[in-house]
Every structure is written in C-alpha cells, then in structure tokens.
C-alpha cells in the first residue's frame, strides 16, 4: 500500500483580492505527526479549511489515499465526503452540539458507519438492533478513553473548557479517520491541561494508527510531539523540517519564534 497519505500540490486561495494561501505544497505520510505553525494570519486555518473541504482552492490539487488504498481528488470533495473518505478535524473555536448530551455528540458522528436501510429501522430488525448496540459500545469506549464517560448524560455546554476540547477530539475519532486535523487543540488550556493533551495525542495516535496534522501556537507542545514542522508566513511556506532545524532557522526566528523564544525554548 502507498505509504503516502496526503499530497498537496501548489494550492492557492484569495479572498477579496487578498492572497491568503500561495502555492502551498506538502506530502504527509502514514503515521506521521506534523505541525503547521506560523504567526496569526499566516493562513494556517485556511489550509485546514481547504484540506477538509470547507474551501475549494483557486488553483492546485490535493490527493488523499484512504486506508484501503483508494485515491481521492480531495480538492473536489465536500466536507461530508472527505469525512467518509477518512479526514476528520477539530476547530480552533469549539463546535459542539451544545444542547445535546456528551453521549449524543458522539452518537451523531457515528451515524456515518450505520448500514441499515429504512425497513431495518422501521421494524427494528436485527441489523438495526446490532447497529444500535455497536454505537452504544463505541460511544462508551471513546468517552472512557477520554475520561469523560461519567459525564455522558451532561449537556456539552456544561462541560469545563478542557473537557469540551476532549469531547471534540473524541467526536472526530468516532469517524475512524486515517488523517486527523487538530486546529489549536491546546488553545485556552493551562499548562497542566496542555501536558495532559500532549500525552493524550501521543496515545490516540498509537492506539488508532492515526496520522495527525496539527496547528498550534504552544511551542512546548509542538516541539515536544511533532516529528516534522511546516512554517507559514503570509500564506507561503518559509521553512519545513525537523523541530530542531526549525528552531534555528533565521527566517522562522524573524517571522515567528523570536530570539527570546529560541533562547528559552
């Protein structure tokens, strides 16, 4: 099977005449944990929005290989089709179903794997009952993994901030993705929560055989778990390589890290 999971070739997009992403290219291989970093307004979330089908690039192309080896022209697919193919994401601003319970937030994400037809549902046939039990078991497994199963009947809006973040990641995992896009997962977290998140990301990556691409401003987290970094500035890649190389790159220091951050990193 092709070890290449995602190939992005020279994608660009502009809004109102402003070029937000210019000729962005990268290859992501199965099992990698890659960080996308850069200053605010660099175009990182726009790249994620393109990769997840929210925006269509004005030029360039994206290829994605699912777990069965099937290749998709990902730049031409809608978000729901990309999700079914194996790309899931979280958002910088948490997007939960706040008026639903923790459990129901997960169950909604699991509906994509249901295989019953309307007759199965209408007459509560065995396939329907089996599907319901599978959803219940999978929901509990994910909530246990993230240590929030005891709050499964709590409305999502009533969770503490850190647990809302966990729930959003758990919901993304419910889709059984091959590629998980994490948009600033540590945003708003305190140092202890961030440390726990680092451990959790490393754990779920191994457990679910995930490939992860993440955006993050917390350099301790980025340097601690990412194997490779891509740095954006004004929509263009200014550096790419190992964390140790990026930390010393003059262009990255000038545009983003700063001398003080490097000395105390």
Protein backbone atom coordinates (compact mmCIF):
# COMPACT_ATOMS: atom_id res chain seq x y z
CA UNK A 1 0.00 0.00 0.00
CA UNK A 2 1.14 3.51 -0.75
CA UNK A 3 2.78 5.00 2.35
CA UNK A 4 1.80 8.45 1.15
CA UNK A 5 -1.47 9.57 2.74
CA UNK A 6 -1.89 13.16 1.55
CA UNK A 7 -0.27 15.00 -1.33
CA UNK A 8 -0.90 18.75 -1.59
CA UNK A 9 0.38 20.48 -4.71
CA UNK A 10 0.62 24.26 -5.01
CA UNK A 11 -2.80 25.14 -3.62
CA UNK A 12 -3.71 28.82 -3.52
CA UNK A 13 -6.74 30.83 -2.48
CA UNK A 14 -7.62 34.52 -2.27
CA UNK A 15 -10.47 36.41 -0.61
CA UNK A 16 -11.48 39.81 -1.92
CA UNK A 17 -8.22 40.19 -3.80
CA UNK A 18 -6.13 39.25 -0.75
CA UNK A 19 -3.93 36.21 -1.36
CA UNK A 20 -4.33 34.15 1.81
CA UNK A 21 -2.50 30.96 0.72
CA UNK A 22 0.06 30.88 -2.10
CA UNK A 23 1.41 27.71 -3.70
CA UNK A 24 1.23 25.59 -0.57
CA UNK A 25 2.65 22.09 -1.11
CA UNK A 26 3.37 19.19 1.23
CA UNK A 27 3.42 15.40 1.47
CA UNK A 28 2.07 13.71 4.59
CA UNK A 29 2.96 10.06 5.15
CA UNK A 30 1.05 7.46 7.14
CA UNK A 31 1.77 7.53 10.84
CA UNK A 32 3.36 10.97 10.89
CA UNK A 33 2.64 13.71 13.40
CA UNK A 34 3.27 17.00 11.63
CA UNK A 35 2.88 20.54 12.94
CA UNK A 36 1.77 23.55 10.89
CA UNK A 37 2.93 26.72 12.62
CA UNK A 38 3.29 30.42 11.96
CA UNK A 39 2.11 33.83 13.16
CA UNK A 40 -1.55 34.82 13.39
CA UNK A 41 -2.97 35.48 9.94
CA UNK A 42 -0.38 33.29 8.22
CA UNK A 43 -3.07 31.16 6.55
CA UNK A 44 -2.87 28.01 8.69
CA UNK A 45 -6.58 27.59 9.37
CA UNK A 46 -7.34 28.42 5.73
CA UNK A 47 -5.12 25.49 4.73
CA UNK A 48 -7.11 23.29 7.11
CA UNK A 49 -10.37 24.59 5.64
CA UNK A 50 -9.15 23.60 2.19
CA UNK A 51 -7.95 20.17 3.33
CA UNK A 52 -11.30 19.47 4.99
CA UNK A 53 -13.38 20.66 2.01
CA UNK A 54 -14.80 23.86 3.51
CA UNK A 55 -13.00 25.94 0.87
CA UNK A 56 -12.06 24.91 -2.66
CA UNK A 57 -8.62 26.12 -3.75
CA UNK A 58 -8.49 28.50 -6.70
CA UNK A 59 -5.55 26.51 -8.07
CA UNK A 60 -3.55 23.42 -7.24
CA UNK A 61 -4.68 19.95 -6.25
CA UNK A 62 -4.94 17.53 -3.33
CA UNK A 63 -4.76 13.74 -3.40
CA UNK A 64 -5.77 11.59 -0.44
CA UNK A 65 -5.35 7.82 -0.07
CA UNK A 66 -7.80 6.10 2.27
CA UNK A 67 -6.98 3.07 4.42
CA UNK A 68 -7.93 0.74 1.57
CA UNK A 69 -5.51 2.47 -0.80
CA UNK A 70 -8.21 4.23 -2.82
CA UNK A 71 -7.14 7.67 -4.03
CA UNK A 72 -9.42 10.71 -3.97
CA UNK A 73 -9.14 14.11 -5.64
CA UNK A 74 -9.73 15.72 -2.26
CA UNK A 75 -9.88 19.29 -3.56
CA UNK A 76 -13.11 18.37 -5.37
CA UNK A 77 -14.95 16.76 -2.47
CA UNK A 78 -17.39 18.23 0.06
CA UNK A 79 -16.63 18.07 3.80
CA UNK A 80 -19.00 15.14 4.40
CA UNK A 81 -17.46 13.10 1.57
CA UNK A 82 -13.95 13.82 2.83
CA UNK A 83 -15.04 12.76 6.30
CA UNK A 84 -16.35 9.49 4.91
CA UNK A 85 -13.09 9.01 3.00
CA UNK A 86 -11.12 9.35 6.24
CA UNK A 87 -10.31 13.00 7.02
CA UNK A 88 -11.63 14.37 10.32
CA UNK A 89 -10.90 17.65 12.06
CA UNK A 90 -11.43 19.79 15.11
CA UNK A 91 -11.79 23.56 15.13
CA UNK A 92 -9.96 26.42 16.81
CA UNK A 93 -13.33 27.59 18.15
CA UNK A 94 -15.02 24.53 19.62
CA UNK A 95 -18.02 23.43 17.57
CA UNK A 96 -20.01 21.00 19.67
CA UNK A 97 -23.74 20.44 19.70
CA UNK A 98 -24.10 22.36 22.95
CA UNK A 99 -27.74 21.49 23.56
CA UNK A 100 -27.11 17.76 23.20
CA UNK A 101 -25.54 15.45 25.74
CA UNK A 102 -21.94 14.34 25.64
CA UNK A 103 -23.10 10.89 24.56
CA UNK A 104 -25.30 12.21 21.74
CA UNK A 105 -22.44 14.33 20.36
CA UNK A 106 -20.53 11.10 19.78
CA UNK A 107 -23.52 9.13 18.51
CA UNK A 108 -24.21 11.72 15.80
CA UNK A 109 -20.67 11.28 14.48
CA UNK A 110 -21.11 7.50 14.46
CA UNK A 111 -24.12 7.57 12.15
CA UNK A 112 -21.84 7.61 9.10
CA UNK A 113 -20.91 3.97 9.76
CA UNK A 114 -24.50 2.74 10.07
CA UNK A 115 -25.57 0.34 7.31
CA UNK A 116 -29.29 -0.19 7.99
CA UNK A 117 -31.97 0.60 5.46
CA UNK A 118 -35.31 2.30 6.34
CA UNK A 119 -37.06 -1.06 6.76
CA UNK A 120 -34.49 -2.17 9.34
CA UNK A 121 -35.21 0.98 11.32
CA UNK A 122 -38.99 0.92 10.89
CA UNK A 123 -39.42 -2.68 12.03
CA UNK A 124 -36.50 -2.71 14.47
CA UNK A 125 -34.95 -5.65 12.64
CA UNK A 126 -31.82 -7.43 13.97
CA UNK A 127 -29.47 -5.34 11.85
CA UNK A 128 -30.90 -2.18 13.42
CA UNK A 129 -30.55 -3.55 16.96
CA UNK A 130 -27.00 -4.68 16.25
CA UNK A 131 -26.14 -1.23 14.90
CA UNK A 132 -27.61 0.46 17.97
CA UNK A 133 -25.57 -1.73 20.30
CA UNK A 134 -22.39 -1.13 18.29
CA UNK A 135 -22.95 2.64 18.54
CA UNK A 136 -23.51 2.41 22.28
CA UNK A 137 -20.37 0.33 22.80
CA UNK A 138 -18.23 2.58 20.61
CA UNK A 139 -19.53 5.73 22.29
CA UNK A 140 -18.70 4.39 25.74
CA UNK A 141 -15.26 3.24 24.58
CA UNK A 142 -14.38 6.72 23.31
CA UNK A 143 -15.74 8.50 26.38
CA UNK A 144 -13.82 6.11 28.63
CA UNK A 145 -10.67 6.75 26.65
CA UNK A 146 -11.02 10.49 27.21
CA UNK A 147 -12.11 10.01 30.84
CA UNK A 148 -15.47 11.72 30.43
CA UNK A 149 -17.78 8.69 30.40
CA UNK A 150 -19.15 9.70 33.81
CA UNK A 151 -20.50 12.85 32.14
CA UNK A 152 -22.16 11.13 29.20
CA UNK A 153 -25.60 12.48 30.16
CA UNK A 154 -24.31 16.04 30.71
CA UNK A 155 -25.12 18.71 28.15
CA UNK A 156 -22.00 19.60 26.18
CA UNK A 157 -22.39 23.28 27.07
CA UNK A 158 -22.00 22.43 30.77
CA UNK A 159 -18.61 20.76 30.42
CA UNK A 160 -15.49 22.58 31.59
CA UNK A 161 -13.46 24.02 28.72
CA UNK A 162 -10.78 21.31 28.78
CA UNK A 163 -13.38 18.56 28.63
CA UNK A 164 -15.14 20.27 25.73
CA UNK A 165 -11.83 20.05 23.87
CA UNK A 166 -11.59 16.36 24.70
CA UNK A 167 -15.15 15.76 23.52
CA UNK A 168 -14.46 17.46 20.20
CA UNK A 169 -11.42 15.25 19.59
CA UNK A 170 -13.40 12.15 20.64
CA UNK A 171 -16.17 13.09 18.21
CA UNK A 172 -13.63 13.44 15.39
CA UNK A 173 -12.23 9.99 16.21
CA UNK A 174 -15.71 8.47 16.03
CA UNK A 175 -15.47 8.75 12.23
CA UNK A 176 -12.49 6.33 12.23
CA UNK A 177 -10.28 8.76 10.30
CA UNK A 178 -6.95 8.00 8.70
CA UNK A 179 -5.97 11.67 8.95
CA UNK A 180 -6.85 13.83 11.96
CA UNK A 181 -6.55 17.62 11.62
CA UNK A 182 -6.25 19.36 15.00
CA UNK A 183 -6.71 23.14 14.88
CA UNK A 184 -5.08 24.61 18.00
CA UNK A 185 -6.12 21.78 20.35
CA UNK A 186 -4.38 23.42 23.33
CA UNK A 187 -5.98 26.86 22.85
CA UNK A 188 -7.25 28.17 26.19
CA UNK A 189 -5.70 25.36 28.21
CA UNK A 190 -3.49 25.82 31.24
CA UNK A 191 -0.01 24.20 31.40
CA UNK A 192 -1.27 21.08 33.20
CA UNK A 193 -4.09 20.57 30.69
CA UNK A 194 -1.64 21.10 27.83
CA UNK A 195 0.73 18.47 29.26
CA UNK A 196 -2.18 16.02 29.57
CA UNK A 197 -3.19 16.81 25.99
CA UNK A 198 0.33 16.02 24.72
CA UNK A 199 0.14 12.62 26.37
CA UNK A 200 -3.36 12.04 25.01
CA UNK A 201 -2.45 12.95 21.42
CA UNK A 202 0.53 10.60 21.50
CA UNK A 203 -1.68 7.85 22.92
CA UNK A 204 -4.56 8.14 20.43
CA UNK A 205 -2.11 8.35 17.55
CA UNK A 206 -0.69 4.95 18.51
CA UNK A 207 -3.99 3.33 19.52
CA UNK A 208 -5.90 4.34 16.38
CA UNK A 209 -2.95 4.19 13.96
CA UNK A 210 -3.55 7.85 13.11
CA UNK A 211 -1.74 10.37 11.01
CA UNK A 212 -2.03 13.79 12.63
CA UNK A 213 -1.54 17.29 11.25
CA UNK A 214 -1.93 19.99 13.86
CA UNK A 215 -1.91 23.76 14.12
CA UNK A 216 -0.64 25.03 17.44
CA UNK A 217 0.91 28.16 18.96
CA UNK A 218 2.17 26.42 22.10
CA UNK A 219 5.76 25.78 21.11
CA UNK A 220 6.38 23.46 24.04
CA UNK A 221 3.64 21.18 22.75
CA UNK A 222 4.75 21.49 19.12
CA UNK A 223 8.42 20.82 19.79
CA UNK A 224 7.55 18.04 22.20
CA UNK A 225 5.36 15.85 19.98
CA UNK A 226 5.77 16.84 16.33
CA UNK A 227 8.29 14.96 14.21
CA UNK A 228 8.23 17.49 11.41
CA UNK A 229 7.17 21.13 11.09
CA UNK A 230 5.89 23.30 8.25
CA UNK A 231 6.08 27.05 8.81
CA UNK A 232 3.76 29.52 7.09
CA UNK A 233 4.07 33.28 6.85
CA UNK A 234 1.76 35.44 4.73
CA UNK A 235 0.33 32.30 3.15
CA UNK A 236 3.66 30.93 1.96
CA UNK A 237 5.88 28.18 3.32
CA UNK A 238 9.07 29.76 4.64
CA UNK A 239 10.59 26.61 6.17
CA UNK A 240 9.97 22.89 6.63
CA UNK A 241 11.94 20.27 8.51
CA UNK A 242 12.71 18.73 11.89
CA UNK A 243 11.81 20.74 15.02
CA UNK A 244 15.48 21.19 15.92
CA UNK A 245 16.15 22.64 12.45
CA UNK A 246 13.10 24.91 12.52
CA UNK A 247 14.05 26.29 15.92
CA UNK A 248 17.33 27.58 14.45
CA UNK A 249 16.04 28.75 11.07
CA UNK A 250 16.70 32.52 10.72
CA UNK A 251 13.55 33.12 8.65
CA UNK A 252 11.38 31.37 11.25
CA UNK A 253 13.02 33.22 14.13
CA UNK A 254 12.41 36.54 12.41
CA UNK A 255 8.83 35.85 11.33
CA UNK A 256 7.53 33.90 14.27
CA UNK A 257 9.63 32.49 17.09
CA UNK A 258 11.73 35.49 18.01
CA UNK A 259 15.17 35.35 19.59
CA UNK A 260 13.77 35.31 23.15
CA UNK A 261 11.59 32.28 22.45
CA UNK A 262 14.51 30.41 20.92
CA UNK A 263 16.79 31.13 23.90
CA UNK A 264 14.16 29.92 26.37
CA UNK A 265 12.70 27.11 24.21
